[in-house]
Each structure stands twice: as structure tokens, then as C-alpha cells.
Amino acid sequence: TAAPSAKIIIVGPAQPPRASEADL
């Protein structure tokens, strides 16, 4: 709505140290 002419790309979460892989 705020930027109707913009192309939008979604980048998912990274894998930081000690993070739960199941949660991510």
C-alpha cells in the first residue's frame, strides 16, 4: 500500500549460533 510500484522480495531468517533449528 505504501509503495505500490515497488518490487518486494522477502528473505527468510538466517541460522545464528545456538538457535533452535526446529523453531527457525
PDB file of all heavy atoms in Angstrom:
ATOM      1  N   THR A   1       0.830  -1.210   0.000  1.00  0.00           N
ATOM      2  CA  THR A   1       0.000   0.000   0.000  1.00  0.00           C
ATOM      3  C   THR A   1       0.863   1.258   0.000  1.00  0.00           C
ATOM      4  O   THR A   1       0.564   2.230  -0.715  1.00  0.00           O
ATOM      5  CB  THR A   1      -0.924   0.002   1.230  1.00  0.00           C
ATOM      6  OG1 THR A   1      -1.769  -1.141   1.198  1.00  0.00           O
ATOM      7  CG2 THR A   1      -1.777   1.263   1.273  1.00  0.00           C
ATOM      8  N   ALA A   2       1.932   1.245   0.790  1.00  0.00           N
ATOM      9  CA  ALA A   2       2.788   2.430   0.907  1.00  0.00           C
ATOM     10  C   ALA A   2       3.678   2.634  -0.309  1.00  0.00           C
ATOM     11  O   ALA A   2       4.021   3.768  -0.644  1.00  0.00           O
ATOM     12  CB  ALA A   2       3.653   2.316   2.163  1.00  0.00           C
ATOM     13  N   ALA A   3       4.062   1.535  -0.969  1.00  0.00           N
ATOM     14  CA  ALA A   3       4.948   1.628  -2.141  1.00  0.00           C
ATOM     15  C   ALA A   3       4.395   0.715  -3.235  1.00  0.00           C
ATOM     16  O   ALA A   3       4.968  -0.351  -3.508  1.00  0.00           O
ATOM     17  CB  ALA A   3       6.370   1.246  -1.761  1.00  0.00           C
ATOM     18  N   PRO A   4       3.310   1.102  -3.867  1.00  0.00           N
ATOM     19  CA  PRO A   4       2.621   0.203  -4.811  1.00  0.00           C
ATOM     20  C   PRO A   4       3.429  -0.161  -6.048  1.00  0.00           C
ATOM     21  O   PRO A   4       3.161  -1.190  -6.670  1.00  0.00           O
ATOM     22  CB  PRO A   4       1.352   0.997  -5.179  1.00  0.00           C
ATOM     23  CG  PRO A   4       1.696   2.424  -4.894  1.00  0.00           C
ATOM     24  CD  PRO A   4       2.625   2.396  -3.726  1.00  0.00           C
ATOM     25  N   SER A   5       4.402   0.653  -6.433  1.00  0.00           N
ATOM     26  CA  SER A   5       5.182   0.363  -7.645  1.00  0.00           C
ATOM     27  C   SER A   5       6.462  -0.407  -7.359  1.00  0.00           C
ATOM     28  O   SER A   5       7.198  -0.746  -8.292  1.00  0.00           O
ATOM     29  CB  SER A   5       5.526   1.671  -8.367  1.00  0.00           C
ATOM     30  OG  SER A   5       6.310   2.517  -7.539  1.00  0.00           O
ATOM     31  N   ALA A   6       6.736  -0.680  -6.097  1.00  0.00           N
ATOM     32  CA  ALA A   6       7.987  -1.349  -5.730  1.00  0.00           C
ATOM     33  C   ALA A   6       7.852  -2.859  -5.837  1.00  0.00           C
ATOM     34  O   ALA A   6       6.809  -3.429  -5.513  1.00  0.00           O
ATOM     35  CB  ALA A   6       8.397  -0.966  -4.316  1.00  0.00           C
ATOM     36  N   LYS A   7       8.927  -3.498  -6.287  1.00  0.00           N
ATOM     37  CA  LYS A   7       9.002  -4.952  -6.235  1.00  0.00           C
ATOM     38  C   LYS A   7       9.461  -5.333  -4.832  1.00  0.00           C
ATOM     39  O   LYS A   7      10.376  -4.724  -4.286  1.00  0.00           O
ATOM     40  CB  LYS A   7       9.991  -5.480  -7.278  1.00  0.00           C
ATOM     41  CG  LYS A   7      10.143  -6.998  -7.256  1.00  0.00           C
ATOM     42  CD  LYS A   7      11.074  -7.484  -8.345  1.00  0.00           C
ATOM     43  CE  LYS A   7      11.259  -9.001  -8.288  1.00  0.00           C
ATOM     44  NZ  LYS A   7       9.979  -9.733  -8.416  1.00  0.00           N
ATOM     45  N   ILE A   8       8.851  -6.351  -4.253  1.00  0.00           N
ATOM     46  CA  ILE A   8       9.142  -6.744  -2.876  1.00  0.00           C
ATOM     47  C   ILE A   8       9.721  -8.155  -2.870  1.00  0.00           C
ATOM     48  O   ILE A   8       9.143  -9.077  -3.463  1.00  0.00           O
ATOM     49  CB  ILE A   8       7.868  -6.684  -2.000  1.00  0.00           C
ATOM     50  CG1 ILE A   8       7.240  -5.283  -2.061  1.00  0.00           C
ATOM     51  CG2 ILE A   8       8.187  -7.076  -0.570  1.00  0.00           C
ATOM     52  CD1 ILE A   8       5.870  -5.199  -1.417  1.00  0.00           C
ATOM     53  N   ILE A   9      10.847  -8.305  -2.220  1.00  0.00           N
ATOM     54  CA  ILE A   9      11.495  -9.608  -2.066  1.00  0.00           C
ATOM     55  C   ILE A   9      11.614  -9.909  -0.574  1.00  0.00           C
ATOM     56  O   ILE A   9      12.091  -9.082   0.203  1.00  0.00           O
ATOM     57  CB  ILE A   9      12.880  -9.632  -2.729  1.00  0.00           C
ATOM     58  CG1 ILE A   9      12.738  -9.460  -4.248  1.00  0.00           C
ATOM     59  CG2 ILE A   9      13.610 -10.940  -2.418  1.00  0.00           C
ATOM     60  CD1 ILE A   9      14.054  -9.433  -4.982  1.00  0.00           C
ATOM     61  N   ILE A  10      11.180 -11.090  -0.192  1.00  0.00           N
ATOM     62  CA  ILE A  10      11.210 -11.498   1.211  1.00  0.00           C
ATOM     63  C   ILE A  10      12.379 -12.469   1.416  1.00  0.00           C
ATOM     64  O   ILE A  10      12.473 -13.485   0.719  1.00  0.00           O
ATOM     65  CB  ILE A  10       9.885 -12.177   1.629  1.00  0.00           C
ATOM     66  CG1 ILE A  10       8.689 -11.300   1.230  1.00  0.00           C
ATOM     67  CG2 ILE A  10       9.893 -12.464   3.121  1.00  0.00           C
ATOM     68  CD1 ILE A  10       8.724  -9.895   1.786  1.00  0.00           C
ATOM     69  N   VAL A  11      13.241 -12.157   2.365  1.00  0.00           N
ATOM     70  CA  VAL A  11      14.363 -13.023   2.719  1.00  0.00           C
ATOM     71  C   VAL A  11      14.070 -13.621   4.089  1.00  0.00           C
ATOM     72  O   VAL A  11      13.827 -12.902   5.055  1.00  0.00           O
ATOM     73  CB  VAL A  11      15.700 -12.241   2.740  1.00  0.00           C
ATOM     74  CG1 VAL A  11      16.856 -13.174   3.110  1.00  0.00           C
ATOM     75  CG2 VAL A  11      15.953 -11.587   1.389  1.00  0.00           C
ATOM     76  N   GLY A  12      14.087 -14.930   4.170  1.00  0.00           N
ATOM     77  CA  GLY A  12      13.741 -15.610   5.405  1.00  0.00           C
ATOM     78  C   GLY A  12      14.807 -15.489   6.474  1.00  0.00           C
ATOM     79  O   GLY A  12      15.852 -14.880   6.277  1.00  0.00           O
ATOM     80  N   PRO A  13      14.567 -16.102   7.633  1.00  0.00           N
ATOM     81  CA  PRO A  13      15.508 -15.994   8.746  1.00  0.00           C
ATOM     82  C   PRO A  13      16.815 -16.731   8.469  1.00  0.00           C
ATOM     83  O   PRO A  13      16.837 -17.741   7.767  1.00  0.00           O
ATOM     84  CB  PRO A  13      14.748 -16.624   9.919  1.00  0.00           C
ATOM     85  CG  PRO A  13      13.770 -17.554   9.274  1.00  0.00           C
ATOM     86  CD  PRO A  13      13.379 -16.902   7.984  1.00  0.00           C
ATOM     87  N   ALA A  14      17.885 -16.197   9.047  1.00  0.00           N
ATOM     88  CA  ALA A  14      19.182 -16.842   8.946  1.00  0.00           C
ATOM     89  C   ALA A  14      19.307 -17.889  10.057  1.00  0.00           C
ATOM     90  O   ALA A  14      18.365 -18.127  10.816  1.00  0.00           O
ATOM     91  CB  ALA A  14      20.288 -15.802   9.048  1.00  0.00           C
ATOM     92  N   GLN A  15      20.475 -18.487  10.141  1.00  0.00           N
ATOM     93  CA  GLN A  15      20.706 -19.532  11.140  1.00  0.00           C
ATOM     94  C   GLN A  15      21.829 -19.085  12.088  1.00  0.00           C
ATOM     95  O   GLN A  15      22.993 -19.396  11.884  1.00  0.00           O
ATOM     96  CB  GLN A  15      21.109 -20.836  10.454  1.00  0.00           C
ATOM     97  CG  GLN A  15      21.357 -22.005  11.405  1.00  0.00           C
ATOM     98  CD  GLN A  15      20.085 -22.488  12.061  1.00  0.00           C
ATOM     99  OE1 GLN A  15      19.110 -22.785  11.391  1.00  0.00           O
ATOM    100  NE2 GLN A  15      20.088 -22.571  13.377  1.00  0.00           N
ATOM    101  N   PRO A  16      21.474 -18.329  13.131  1.00  0.00           N
ATOM    102  CA  PRO A  16      22.516 -17.867  14.055  1.00  0.00           C
ATOM    103  C   PRO A  16      23.001 -18.989  14.962  1.00  0.00           C
ATOM    104  O   PRO A  16      22.327 -20.029  15.087  1.00  0.00           O
ATOM    105  CB  PRO A  16      21.801 -16.784  14.869  1.00  0.00           C
ATOM    106  CG  PRO A  16      20.370 -17.212  14.856  1.00  0.00           C
ATOM    107  CD  PRO A  16      20.139 -17.868  13.531  1.00  0.00           C
ATOM    108  N   PRO A  17      24.147 -18.794  15.601  1.00  0.00           N
ATOM    109  CA  PRO A  17      24.642 -19.840  16.518  1.00  0.00           C
ATOM    110  C   PRO A  17      23.668 -20.057  17.688  1.00  0.00           C
ATOM    111  O   PRO A  17      23.012 -19.136  18.159  1.00  0.00           O
ATOM    112  CB  PRO A  17      25.980 -19.261  17.009  1.00  0.00           C
ATOM    113  CG  PRO A  17      26.351 -18.225  16.013  1.00  0.00           C
ATOM    114  CD  PRO A  17      25.081 -17.668  15.478  1.00  0.00           C
ATOM    115  N   ARG A  18      23.580 -21.277  18.114  1.00  0.00           N
ATOM    116  CA  ARG A  18      22.801 -21.678  19.300  1.00  0.00           C
ATOM    117  C   ARG A  18      21.299 -21.438  19.147  1.00  0.00           C
ATOM    118  O   ARG A  18      20.557 -21.472  20.110  1.00  0.00           O
ATOM    119  CB  ARG A  18      23.320 -20.973  20.566  1.00  0.00           C
ATOM    120  CG  ARG A  18      24.759 -21.333  20.907  1.00  0.00           C
ATOM    121  CD  ARG A  18      25.220 -20.631  22.164  1.00  0.00           C
ATOM    122  NE  ARG A  18      25.218 -19.179  22.010  1.00  0.00           N
ATOM    123  CZ  ARG A  18      26.204 -18.506  21.443  1.00  0.00           C
ATOM    124  NH1 ARG A  18      27.265 -19.128  20.964  1.00  0.00           N
ATOM    125  NH2 ARG A  18      26.159 -17.204  21.348  1.00  0.00           N
ATOM    126  N   ALA A  19      20.847 -21.171  17.943  1.00  0.00           N
ATOM    127  CA  ALA A  19      19.406 -21.004  17.725  1.00  0.00           C
ATOM    128  C   ALA A  19      18.760 -22.365  17.501  1.00  0.00           C
ATOM    129  O   ALA A  19      19.396 -23.302  17.006  1.00  0.00           O
ATOM    130  CB  ALA A  19      19.154 -20.101  16.526  1.00  0.00           C
ATOM    131  N   SER A  20      17.508 -22.473  17.883  1.00  0.00           N
ATOM    132  CA  SER A  20      16.778 -23.722  17.709  1.00  0.00           C
ATOM    133  C   SER A  20      16.430 -23.911  16.229  1.00  0.00           C
ATOM    134  O   SER A  20      15.687 -23.115  15.650  1.00  0.00           O
ATOM    135  CB  SER A  20      15.498 -23.706  18.546  1.00  0.00           C
ATOM    136  OG  SER A  20      14.664 -24.791  18.201  1.00  0.00           O
ATOM    137  N   GLU A  21      16.962 -24.955  15.630  1.00  0.00           N
ATOM    138  CA  GLU A  21      16.679 -25.209  14.220  1.00  0.00           C
ATOM    139  C   GLU A  21      15.202 -25.529  14.004  1.00  0.00           C
ATOM    140  O   GLU A  21      14.616 -25.148  12.987  1.00  0.00           O
ATOM    141  CB  GLU A  21      17.551 -26.355  13.711  1.00  0.00           C
ATOM    142  CG  GLU A  21      19.035 -26.021  13.658  1.00  0.00           C
ATOM    143  CD  GLU A  21      19.834 -27.127  13.007  1.00  0.00           C
ATOM    144  OE1 GLU A  21      19.214 -28.011  12.358  1.00  0.00           O
ATOM    145  OE2 GLU A  21      21.079 -27.120  13.125  1.00  0.00           O
ATOM    146  N   ALA A  22      14.604 -26.234  14.960  1.00  0.00           N
ATOM    147  CA  ALA A  22      13.178 -26.573  14.832  1.00  0.00           C
ATOM    148  C   ALA A  22      12.318 -25.312  14.844  1.00  0.00           C
ATOM    149  O   ALA A  22      11.379 -25.168  14.038  1.00  0.00           O
ATOM    150  CB  ALA A  22      12.768 -27.512  15.955  1.00  0.00           C
ATOM    151  N   ASP A  23      12.623 -24.385  15.740  1.00  0.00           N
ATOM    152  CA  ASP A  23      11.860 -23.131  15.807  1.00  0.00           C
ATOM    153  C   ASP A  23      12.033 -22.326  14.519  1.00  0.00           C
ATOM    154  O   ASP A  23      11.064 -21.764  13.991  1.00  0.00           O
ATOM    155  CB  ASP A  23      12.307 -22.299  17.007  1.00  0.00           C
ATOM    156  CG  ASP A  23      11.786 -22.863  18.331  1.00  0.00           C
ATOM    157  OD1 ASP A  23      10.955 -23.795  18.283  1.00  0.00           O
ATOM    158  OD2 ASP A  23      12.205 -22.358  19.395  1.00  0.00           O
ATOM    159  N   LEU A  24      13.272 -22.262  14.023  1.00  0.00           N
ATOM    160  CA  LEU A  24      13.514 -21.490  12.806  1.00  0.00           C
ATOM    161  C   LEU A  24      12.812 -22.101  11.604  1.00  0.00           C
ATOM    162  O   LEU A  24      12.335 -21.373  10.737  1.00  0.00           O
ATOM    163  CB  LEU A  24      15.019 -21.374  12.541  1.00  0.00           C
ATOM    164  CG  LEU A  24      15.778 -20.393  13.429  1.00  0.00           C
ATOM    165  CD1 LEU A  24      17.268 -20.436  13.136  1.00  0.00           C
ATOM    166  CD2 LEU A  24      15.248 -18.969  13.236  1.00  0.00           C
TER     167      LEU A  24
END
